Protein backbone atom coordinates (compact mmCIF):
# COMPACT_ATOMS: atom_id res chain seq x y z
CA MET A 1 0.00 0.00 0.00
CA GLU A 2 1.20 3.49 -0.82
CA TYR A 3 1.18 6.22 1.80
CA SER A 4 0.96 9.95 1.39
CA ARG A 5 4.32 11.58 2.03
CA GLU A 6 2.52 14.93 2.20
CA LEU A 7 0.23 13.79 5.02
CA TYR A 8 3.17 12.21 6.82
CA ASN A 9 5.11 15.51 6.69
CA GLN A 10 2.02 17.42 7.85
CA GLU A 11 1.63 15.16 10.88
CA VAL A 12 5.32 15.46 11.82
CA GLY A 13 5.07 19.23 11.46
CA ARG A 14 1.90 19.34 13.53
CA ARG A 15 3.60 17.41 16.33
CA ILE A 16 6.60 19.75 16.29
CA LYS A 17 4.35 22.80 16.46
CA GLU A 18 2.37 21.24 19.29
CA ALA A 19 5.54 20.55 21.31
CA ARG A 20 6.76 24.08 20.69
CA LYS A 21 3.48 25.67 21.76
CA ASP A 22 3.14 23.34 24.77
CA ASN A 23 6.47 24.76 25.92
CA GLY A 24 5.42 28.35 25.30
CA GLU A 25 8.06 28.88 22.64
CA SER A 26 7.99 30.82 19.39
CA GLN A 27 9.31 29.75 16.03
CA ALA A 28 12.26 32.05 16.70
CA LEU A 29 13.68 29.48 19.09
CA LEU A 30 13.61 26.78 16.39
CA VAL A 31 15.18 29.26 13.96
CA GLU A 32 18.11 29.59 16.35
CA LEU A 33 18.25 25.91 17.33
CA LEU A 34 18.26 24.62 13.75
CA SER A 35 20.00 27.57 12.05
CA ARG A 36 17.12 27.81 9.58
CA SER A 37 15.05 30.76 8.43
CA GLN A 38 11.65 31.48 9.95
CA SER A 39 10.12 30.68 6.57
CA VAL A 40 11.69 27.20 6.55
CA ILE A 41 10.48 26.52 10.12
CA SER A 42 6.97 27.62 9.13
CA GLN A 43 7.04 25.35 6.07
CA MET A 44 8.22 22.43 8.21
CA GLU A 45 5.43 22.94 10.75
CA LYS A 46 2.84 23.11 7.97
CA GLY A 47 4.19 19.94 6.40
CA ASN A 48 5.18 21.72 3.19
CA ARG A 49 8.82 20.77 3.70
CA ALA A 50 10.34 17.50 4.82
CA ILE A 51 12.27 17.71 8.08
CA PRO A 52 15.81 16.34 7.97
CA SER A 53 16.39 13.62 10.54
CA PHE A 54 19.25 15.59 12.09
CA ASP A 55 16.91 18.55 12.69
CA LEU A 56 14.26 16.26 14.11
CA GLU A 57 16.82 14.79 16.49
CA LEU A 58 17.79 18.27 17.70
CA ILE A 59 14.12 19.15 18.24
CA ALA A 60 13.51 15.92 20.16
CA LYS A 61 16.53 16.54 22.40
CA HIS A 62 15.48 20.15 22.99
CA TYR A 63 12.03 19.07 24.17
CA ASP A 64 13.40 16.03 26.00
CA LEU A 65 11.17 13.72 23.97
CA PRO A 66 12.03 10.58 22.05
CA ILE A 67 12.31 11.19 18.33
CA THR A 68 9.47 8.69 17.86
CA HIS A 69 7.14 11.18 19.57
CA PHE A 70 7.21 13.18 16.34
CA LEU A 71 6.92 10.25 13.94
CA PRO A 72 3.44 8.99 13.12
CA ASN A 73 3.17 5.33 12.32
CA LEU A 74 2.14 4.51 8.78
CA GLU A 75 -1.26 3.26 9.93
CA ASP A 76 -2.01 6.75 11.28
CA VAL A 77 -1.00 8.24 7.94
CA ARG A 78 -3.16 5.72 6.07
CA LEU A 79 -6.14 6.70 8.22
CA LEU A 80 -5.48 10.40 7.59
CA ASP A 81 -5.16 9.67 3.88
CA ASN A 82 -8.47 7.76 3.85
CA GLU A 83 -10.19 10.58 5.73
CA TYR A 84 -8.83 13.11 3.23
CA LEU A 85 -9.92 10.99 0.26
CA SER A 86 -13.36 10.57 1.79
CA ARG A 87 -13.75 14.34 2.13
CA VAL A 88 -12.61 14.93 -1.45
CA THR A 89 -15.02 12.27 -2.74
CA THR A 90 -17.91 13.78 -0.77
CA LEU A 91 -17.12 17.26 -2.05
CA THR A 92 -16.78 16.02 -5.64
CA ASN A 93 -20.09 14.16 -5.45
CA PHE A 94 -21.76 17.23 -3.96
CA ARG A 95 -20.47 19.44 -6.75
CA ARG A 96 -21.59 16.95 -9.40
CA SER A 97 -25.09 16.79 -7.91
CA LYS A 98 -25.44 20.57 -8.00
CA TYR A 99 -24.75 20.86 -11.72
């Protein structure tokens, strides 16, 4: 079965953002920690950019969490993918019925 890389990246980014906010930190801290631009950090958190494993390791160490905390299992991604496809199908069918 094929999995959506885009959804996987979005979930990793969501978990990073959640950890950051749970610790009351801004993206500026990750900019400094990872030596990346604010734009890159924003893209990572939105899932629009893959996160290098080295960066993910630094983030995990900073928040004192195992790196696996940020990694969804593929079953989670498959479920997200199915939910997304279901929404697209529903919307497509709705649009077809209107016209």
